Amino acid sequence: METQSAEWLAEVRQARLVLSEQALTIIGIVSPVPASGVLRLARALAEASVEAGQRALLLSLGDPAGIPDAAGYDVAGRDGVSGISFPFHNPVALKAAFATAAQSYDAVFVDLPAVLDNSGDLNAVTIARACDGVLLLCVSDKVAAPEIVQAYDMLTAAGVKIVGTVLDQEFSPPLSEALARAVYKMTWFVPFLGKRFYKNIQSAQSLQVT
């Protein structure tokens, strides 16, 4: 497990608690654009879940073999886990597969591809529809306000339940009017977490970022 500040860990634990209180098991983490620290946040939430005594699974759609030190949680990739395969191109069948996984895990964190990235064969919106809820990660160094609004609109138009957002200082209020209309519909904010873990990503050479 990588060393993090006490403030970082406290906010991650609070985020995990909010998700747990909402009785969400399959949680997708997504950003509008690639290389925004989605995997980093998914790992931190999985570690916090283990600390809380939960059985956690990190489903990485990048390269799960590149995740160092799973710290007590299970890691799976596109091939599935424990006899469970995940049909990522079929949201109905995928939701059924996630329900099967939920019988073995208290929390499943899905490292989703970026909403606005069409370079891969997996579609973030399709997979997000099968999750119980999704966290939208917005780091100002990587994404502009119009991209956040576009990603938000794409997710909600598909019926995705956005249960929270992680914003950094640059996107904290006052927000632009367009961004405010989108983000203030969400249920909770962790306004400084994004900036800190993005700085951690920049300083951690061994960290794989999706």
C-alpha atoms as a PDB file:
ATOM      1  CA  MET A   1       0.000   0.000   0.000  1.00  0.00           C
ATOM      2  CA  GLU A   2       1.384   3.410  -0.916  1.00  0.00           C
ATOM      3  CA  THR A   3       1.894   6.022   1.762  1.00  0.00           C
ATOM      4  CA  GLN A   4      -0.783   8.701   1.757  1.00  0.00           C
ATOM      5  CA  SER A   5      -1.394  11.766   3.911  1.00  0.00           C
ATOM      6  CA  ALA A   6      -3.764  11.467   6.856  1.00  0.00           C
ATOM      7  CA  GLU A   7      -6.090  13.999   5.212  1.00  0.00           C
ATOM      8  CA  TRP A   8      -6.200  11.986   1.976  1.00  0.00           C
ATOM      9  CA  LEU A   9      -6.975   8.764   3.842  1.00  0.00           C
ATOM     10  CA  ALA A  10      -9.690  10.443   5.915  1.00  0.00           C
ATOM     11  CA  GLU A  11     -11.473  11.700   2.802  1.00  0.00           C
ATOM     12  CA  VAL A  12     -11.220   8.337   1.042  1.00  0.00           C
ATOM     13  CA  ARG A  13     -12.671   6.633   4.118  1.00  0.00           C
ATOM     14  CA  GLN A  14     -15.487   9.166   4.234  1.00  0.00           C
ATOM     15  CA  ALA A  15     -16.242   8.554   0.563  1.00  0.00           C
ATOM     16  CA  ARG A  16     -16.341   4.799   1.172  1.00  0.00           C
ATOM     17  CA  LEU A  17     -18.678   5.319   4.123  1.00  0.00           C
ATOM     18  CA  VAL A  18     -21.073   7.399   2.024  1.00  0.00           C
ATOM     19  CA  LEU A  19     -21.162   4.683  -0.636  1.00  0.00           C
ATOM     20  CA  SER A  20     -21.720   1.983   1.964  1.00  0.00           C
ATOM     21  CA  GLU A  21     -24.537   3.934   3.614  1.00  0.00           C
ATOM     22  CA  GLN A  22     -26.271   4.146   0.243  1.00  0.00           C
ATOM     23  CA  ALA A  23     -26.166   0.319   0.053  1.00  0.00           C
ATOM     24  CA  LEU A  24     -24.165   0.401  -3.176  1.00  0.00           C
ATOM     25  CA  THR A  25     -22.118  -2.685  -3.999  1.00  0.00           C
ATOM     26  CA  ILE A  26     -21.046  -2.240  -7.635  1.00  0.00           C
ATOM     27  CA  ILE A  27     -19.419   1.182  -7.882  1.00  0.00           C
ATOM     28  CA  GLY A  28     -17.966   2.484 -11.112  1.00  0.00           C
ATOM     29  CA  ILE A  29     -15.285   5.173 -11.088  1.00  0.00           C
ATOM     30  CA  VAL A  30     -15.079   7.197 -14.292  1.00  0.00           C
ATOM     31  CA  SER A  31     -13.623  10.395 -15.688  1.00  0.00           C
ATOM     32  CA  PRO A  32     -14.544  12.319 -18.827  1.00  0.00           C
ATOM     33  CA  VAL A  33     -11.002  11.907 -20.220  1.00  0.00           C
ATOM     34  CA  PRO A  34      -8.193   9.322 -19.862  1.00  0.00           C
ATOM     35  CA  ALA A  35      -5.222   9.475 -17.480  1.00  0.00           C
ATOM     36  CA  SER A  36      -7.170  11.231 -14.718  1.00  0.00           C
ATOM     37  CA  GLY A  37      -6.422   8.897 -11.813  1.00  0.00           C
ATOM     38  CA  VAL A  38      -9.463   6.629 -11.931  1.00  0.00           C
ATOM     39  CA  LEU A  39      -7.480   3.526 -11.035  1.00  0.00           C
ATOM     40  CA  ARG A  40      -5.768   5.359  -8.201  1.00  0.00           C
ATOM     41  CA  LEU A  41      -9.101   6.292  -6.618  1.00  0.00           C
ATOM     42  CA  ALA A  42     -10.525   2.787  -7.169  1.00  0.00           C
ATOM     43  CA  ARG A  43      -7.533   1.259  -5.396  1.00  0.00           C
ATOM     44  CA  ALA A  44      -7.821   3.675  -2.480  1.00  0.00           C
ATOM     45  CA  LEU A  45     -11.519   2.903  -2.047  1.00  0.00           C
ATOM     46  CA  ALA A  46     -10.838  -0.836  -2.173  1.00  0.00           C
ATOM     47  CA  GLU A  47      -8.165  -0.458   0.506  1.00  0.00           C
ATOM     48  CA  ALA A  48     -10.515   1.598   2.681  1.00  0.00           C
ATOM     49  CA  SER A  49     -13.185  -1.090   2.302  1.00  0.00           C
ATOM     50  CA  VAL A  50     -10.769  -3.769   3.495  1.00  0.00           C
ATOM     51  CA  GLU A  51      -9.839  -1.599   6.477  1.00  0.00           C
ATOM     52  CA  ALA A  52     -13.554  -1.449   7.324  1.00  0.00           C
ATOM     53  CA  GLY A  53     -13.777  -5.249   7.303  1.00  0.00           C
ATOM     54  CA  GLN A  54     -15.430  -5.580   3.909  1.00  0.00           C
ATOM     55  CA  ARG A  55     -14.660  -8.061   1.147  1.00  0.00           C
ATOM     56  CA  ALA A  56     -13.602  -5.921  -1.805  1.00  0.00           C
ATOM     57  CA  LEU A  57     -12.925  -6.548  -5.482  1.00  0.00           C
ATOM     58  CA  LEU A  58     -11.163  -4.158  -7.843  1.00  0.00           C
ATOM     59  CA  LEU A  59     -12.209  -4.810 -11.419  1.00  0.00           C
ATOM     60  CA  SER A  60      -9.603  -3.126 -13.590  1.00  0.00           C
ATOM     61  CA  LEU A  61     -10.339  -2.807 -17.271  1.00  0.00           C
ATOM     62  CA  GLY A  62      -6.760  -1.771 -17.943  1.00  0.00           C
ATOM     63  CA  ASP A  63      -3.943  -4.128 -16.941  1.00  0.00           C
ATOM     64  CA  PRO A  64      -4.704  -5.695 -13.532  1.00  0.00           C
ATOM     65  CA  ALA A  65      -1.259  -7.335 -13.510  1.00  0.00           C
ATOM     66  CA  GLY A  66       0.203  -3.841 -13.271  1.00  0.00           C
ATOM     67  CA  ILE A  67      -1.475  -3.121  -9.916  1.00  0.00           C
ATOM     68  CA  PRO A  68       1.117  -3.471  -7.138  1.00  0.00           C
ATOM     69  CA  ASP A  69       0.247  -4.734  -3.647  1.00  0.00           C
ATOM     70  CA  ALA A  70      -3.469  -5.467  -3.620  1.00  0.00           C
ATOM     71  CA  ALA A  71      -3.505  -4.860   0.156  1.00  0.00           C
ATOM     72  CA  GLY A  72      -6.160  -7.429   1.050  1.00  0.00           C
ATOM     73  CA  TYR A  73      -8.642  -6.964  -1.775  1.00  0.00           C
ATOM     74  CA  ASP A  74      -9.072  -9.137  -4.859  1.00  0.00           C
ATOM     75  CA  VAL A  75      -8.115  -7.884  -8.306  1.00  0.00           C
ATOM     76  CA  ALA A  76      -9.675  -9.008 -11.576  1.00  0.00           C
ATOM     77  CA  GLY A  77      -9.412  -7.940 -15.173  1.00  0.00           C
ATOM     78  CA  ARG A  78     -11.466  -8.357 -18.296  1.00  0.00           C
ATOM     79  CA  ASP A  79     -11.231 -12.154 -18.001  1.00  0.00           C
ATOM     80  CA  GLY A  80     -13.342 -12.136 -14.848  1.00  0.00           C
ATOM     81  CA  VAL A  81     -12.878 -13.677 -11.405  1.00  0.00           C
ATOM     82  CA  SER A  82     -13.698 -16.972  -9.671  1.00  0.00           C
ATOM     83  CA  GLY A  83     -15.597 -18.416 -12.604  1.00  0.00           C
ATOM     84  CA  ILE A  84     -17.548 -15.209 -13.257  1.00  0.00           C
ATOM     85  CA  SER A  85     -17.179 -13.676 -16.714  1.00  0.00           C
ATOM     86  CA  PHE A  86     -18.236 -10.122 -17.416  1.00  0.00           C
ATOM     87  CA  PRO A  87     -19.953  -9.463 -20.786  1.00  0.00           C
ATOM     88  CA  PHE A  88     -18.949  -5.802 -20.995  1.00  0.00           C
ATOM     89  CA  HIS A  89     -20.780  -5.132 -24.254  1.00  0.00           C
ATOM     90  CA  ASN A  90     -24.174  -6.244 -22.911  1.00  0.00           C
ATOM     91  CA  PRO A  91     -25.428  -4.133 -19.975  1.00  0.00           C
ATOM     92  CA  VAL A  92     -28.271  -6.506 -19.090  1.00  0.00           C
ATOM     93  CA  ALA A  93     -26.034  -9.579 -18.953  1.00  0.00           C
ATOM     94  CA  LEU A  94     -23.308  -7.553 -17.259  1.00  0.00           C
ATOM     95  CA  LYS A  95     -25.690  -6.450 -14.519  1.00  0.00           C
ATOM     96  CA  ALA A  96     -26.535 -10.121 -13.900  1.00  0.00           C
ATOM     97  CA  ALA A  97     -22.808 -10.960 -13.701  1.00  0.00           C
ATOM     98  CA  PHE A  98     -22.284  -8.093 -11.252  1.00  0.00           C
ATOM     99  CA  ALA A  99     -25.153  -9.451  -9.128  1.00  0.00           C
ATOM    100  CA  THR A 100     -23.351 -12.787  -8.982  1.00  0.00           C
ATOM    101  CA  ALA A 101     -20.129 -11.063  -7.926  1.00  0.00           C
ATOM    102  CA  ALA A 102     -22.037  -9.181  -5.227  1.00  0.00           C
ATOM    103  CA  GLN A 103     -22.789 -12.508  -3.552  1.00  0.00           C
ATOM    104  CA  SER A 104     -19.068 -12.863  -2.790  1.00  0.00           C
ATOM    105  CA  TYR A 105     -18.076  -9.237  -2.217  1.00  0.00           C
ATOM    106  CA  ASP A 106     -19.345  -6.355  -0.107  1.00  0.00           C
ATOM    107  CA  ALA A 107     -17.901  -3.804  -2.535  1.00  0.00           C
ATOM    108  CA  VAL A 108     -16.834  -4.035  -6.178  1.00  0.00           C
ATOM    109  CA  PHE A 109     -14.988  -1.036  -7.608  1.00  0.00           C
ATOM    110  CA  VAL A 110     -14.929  -0.880 -11.407  1.00  0.00           C
ATOM    111  CA  ASP A 111     -12.114   1.062 -13.043  1.00  0.00           C
ATOM    112  CA  LEU A 112     -14.023   2.379 -16.062  1.00  0.00           C
ATOM    113  CA  PRO A 113     -12.630   3.737 -19.332  1.00  0.00           C
ATOM    114  CA  ALA A 114     -13.054   7.464 -19.926  1.00  0.00           C
ATOM    115  CA  VAL A 115     -16.494   8.575 -21.086  1.00  0.00           C
ATOM    116  CA  LEU A 116     -15.234  10.704 -23.981  1.00  0.00           C
ATOM    117  CA  ASP A 117     -12.514   8.300 -25.141  1.00  0.00           C
ATOM    118  CA  ASN A 118     -13.500   6.152 -28.122  1.00  0.00           C
ATOM    119  CA  SER A 119     -10.061   4.673 -28.786  1.00  0.00           C
ATOM    120  CA  GLY A 120     -10.717   1.330 -27.043  1.00  0.00           C
ATOM    121  CA  ASP A 121     -13.213  -1.467 -27.547  1.00  0.00           C
ATOM    122  CA  LEU A 122     -15.063  -0.871 -24.244  1.00  0.00           C
ATOM    123  CA  ASN A 123     -17.747   1.754 -23.779  1.00  0.00           C
ATOM    124  CA  ALA A 124     -17.815   3.490 -20.394  1.00  0.00           C
ATOM    125  CA  VAL A 125     -21.514   4.358 -20.575  1.00  0.00           C
ATOM    126  CA  THR A 126     -22.532   0.768 -21.383  1.00  0.00           C
ATOM    127  CA  ILE A 127     -20.599  -0.591 -18.400  1.00  0.00           C
ATOM    128  CA  ALA A 128     -21.702   2.236 -16.101  1.00  0.00           C
ATOM    129  CA  ARG A 129     -25.355   1.379 -16.770  1.00  0.00           C
ATOM    130  CA  ALA A 130     -24.792  -1.986 -15.098  1.00  0.00           C
ATOM    131  CA  CYS A 131     -23.269  -0.472 -11.942  1.00  0.00           C
ATOM    132  CA  ASP A 132     -25.280   0.384  -8.832  1.00  0.00           C
ATOM    133  CA  GLY A 133     -23.783   3.852  -8.962  1.00  0.00           C
ATOM    134  CA  VAL A 134     -20.930   5.812 -10.466  1.00  0.00           C
ATOM    135  CA  LEU A 135     -18.448   8.358  -9.150  1.00  0.00           C
ATOM    136  CA  LEU A 136     -17.466  11.032 -11.651  1.00  0.00           C
ATOM    137  CA  LEU A 137     -13.848  12.098 -11.226  1.00  0.00           C
ATOM    138  CA  CYS A 138     -12.891  15.591 -12.438  1.00  0.00           C
ATOM    139  CA  VAL A 139      -9.318  16.845 -12.184  1.00  0.00           C
ATOM    140  CA  SER A 140      -8.782  20.336 -13.550  1.00  0.00           C
ATOM    141  CA  ASP A 141      -5.308  19.550 -14.875  1.00  0.00           C
ATOM    142  CA  LYS A 142      -6.883  17.001 -17.210  1.00  0.00           C
ATOM    143  CA  VAL A 143     -10.442  18.026 -18.039  1.00  0.00           C
ATOM    144  CA  ALA A 144     -12.302  21.217 -18.973  1.00  0.00           C
ATOM    145  CA  ALA A 145     -15.729  22.182 -17.656  1.00  0.00           C
ATOM    146  CA  PRO A 146     -17.515  21.589 -21.008  1.00  0.00           C
ATOM    147  CA  GLU A 147     -16.120  18.041 -21.067  1.00  0.00           C
ATOM    148  CA  ILE A 148     -17.518  17.405 -17.593  1.00  0.00           C
ATOM    149  CA  VAL A 149     -20.955  18.611 -18.652  1.00  0.00           C
ATOM    150  CA  GLN A 150     -20.801  16.503 -21.826  1.00  0.00           C
ATOM    151  CA  ALA A 151     -19.793  13.377 -19.894  1.00  0.00           C
ATOM    152  CA  TYR A 152     -22.460  14.016 -17.254  1.00  0.00           C
ATOM    153  CA  ASP A 153     -25.135  14.412 -19.921  1.00  0.00           C
ATOM    154  CA  MET A 154     -24.049  11.211 -21.712  1.00  0.00           C
ATOM    155  CA  LEU A 155     -24.154   9.198 -18.488  1.00  0.00           C
ATOM    156  CA  THR A 156     -27.488  10.508 -17.218  1.00  0.00           C
ATOM    157  CA  ALA A 157     -29.138  10.231 -20.646  1.00  0.00           C
ATOM    158  CA  ALA A 158     -28.307   6.510 -20.539  1.00  0.00           C
ATOM    159  CA  GLY A 159     -29.858   6.140 -17.097  1.00  0.00           C
ATOM    160  CA  VAL A 160     -26.580   5.912 -15.192  1.00  0.00           C
ATOM    161  CA  LYS A 161     -26.919   6.748 -11.496  1.00  0.00           C
ATOM    162  CA  ILE A 162     -24.213   9.287 -10.625  1.00  0.00           C
ATOM    163  CA  VAL A 163     -23.922   9.073  -6.843  1.00  0.00           C
ATOM    164  CA  GLY A 164     -21.111  11.560  -6.366  1.00  0.00           C
ATOM    165  CA  THR A 165     -18.282  13.519  -7.817  1.00  0.00           C
ATOM    166  CA  VAL A 166     -14.671  14.101  -6.877  1.00  0.00           C
ATOM    167  CA  LEU A 167     -13.585  17.657  -7.685  1.00  0.00           C
ATOM    168  CA  ASP A 168     -10.353  19.505  -7.084  1.00  0.00           C
ATOM    169  CA  GLN A 169      -9.915  23.113  -5.989  1.00  0.00           C
ATOM    170  CA  GLU A 170     -10.088  24.546  -9.491  1.00  0.00           C
ATOM    171  CA  PHE A 171     -13.624  23.162  -9.888  1.00  0.00           C
ATOM    172  CA  SER A 172     -14.836  24.087  -6.409  1.00  0.00           C
ATOM    173  CA  PRO A 173     -17.515  26.820  -6.152  1.00  0.00           C
ATOM    174  CA  PRO A 174     -17.907  29.293  -7.659  1.00  0.00           C
ATOM    175  CA  LEU A 175     -18.303  27.070 -10.704  1.00  0.00           C
ATOM    176  CA  SER A 176     -19.255  28.135 -14.177  1.00  0.00           C
ATOM    177  CA  GLU A 177     -23.015  28.254 -14.642  1.00  0.00           C
ATOM    178  CA  ALA A 178     -23.014  25.290 -17.043  1.00  0.00           C
ATOM    179  CA  LEU A 179     -20.893  23.131 -14.759  1.00  0.00           C
ATOM    180  CA  ALA A 180     -22.970  24.085 -11.731  1.00  0.00           C
ATOM    181  CA  ARG A 181     -26.183  22.948 -13.426  1.00  0.00           C
ATOM    182  CA  ALA A 182     -24.636  19.530 -13.986  1.00  0.00           C
ATOM    183  CA  VAL A 183     -22.618  18.987 -10.844  1.00  0.00           C
ATOM    184  CA  TYR A 184     -25.077  20.333  -8.294  1.00  0.00           C
ATOM    185  CA  LYS A 185     -27.495  17.569  -9.257  1.00  0.00           C
ATOM    186  CA  MET A 186     -25.094  15.111  -7.674  1.00  0.00           C
ATOM    187  CA  THR A 187     -25.439  14.069  -4.084  1.00  0.00           C
ATOM    188  CA  TRP A 188     -22.100  14.886  -2.452  1.00  0.00           C
ATOM    189  CA  PHE A 189     -18.732  16.537  -2.991  1.00  0.00           C
ATOM    190  CA  VAL A 190     -15.168  15.760  -1.947  1.00  0.00           C
ATOM    191  CA  PRO A 191     -13.750  19.031  -3.279  1.00  0.00           C
ATOM    192  CA  PHE A 192     -10.036  18.671  -2.594  1.00  0.00           C
ATOM    193  CA  LEU A 193      -9.421  14.950  -3.071  1.00  0.00           C
ATOM    194  CA  GLY A 194      -8.869  15.129  -6.803  1.00  0.00           C
ATOM    195  CA  LYS A 195      -6.036  17.647  -6.683  1.00  0.00           C
ATOM    196  CA  ARG A 196      -4.173  15.719  -4.001  1.00  0.00           C
ATOM    197  CA  PHE A 197      -4.323  12.294  -5.581  1.00  0.00           C
ATOM    198  CA  TYR A 198      -3.420  13.731  -8.989  1.00  0.00           C
ATOM    199  CA  LYS A 199      -0.285  15.197  -7.381  1.00  0.00           C
ATOM    200  CA  ASN A 200       0.385  11.768  -5.872  1.00  0.00           C
ATOM    201  CA  ILE A 201       0.072  10.232  -9.330  1.00  0.00           C
ATOM    202  CA  GLN A 202       2.599  12.694 -10.719  1.00  0.00           C
ATOM    203  CA  SER A 203       5.112  11.822  -7.982  1.00  0.00           C
ATOM    204  CA  ALA A 204       4.567   8.033  -7.988  1.00  0.00           C
ATOM    205  CA  GLN A 205       6.543   6.669 -10.922  1.00  0.00           C
ATOM    206  CA  SER A 206       5.423   3.079 -10.347  1.00  0.00           C
ATOM    207  CA  LEU A 207       1.696   3.879 -10.356  1.00  0.00           C
ATOM    208  CA  GLN A 208      -0.291   2.745 -13.358  1.00  0.00           C
ATOM    209  CA  VAL A 209      -2.836   5.361 -14.337  1.00  0.00           C
ATOM    210  CA  THR A 210      -5.795   4.560 -16.593  1.00  0.00           C
END
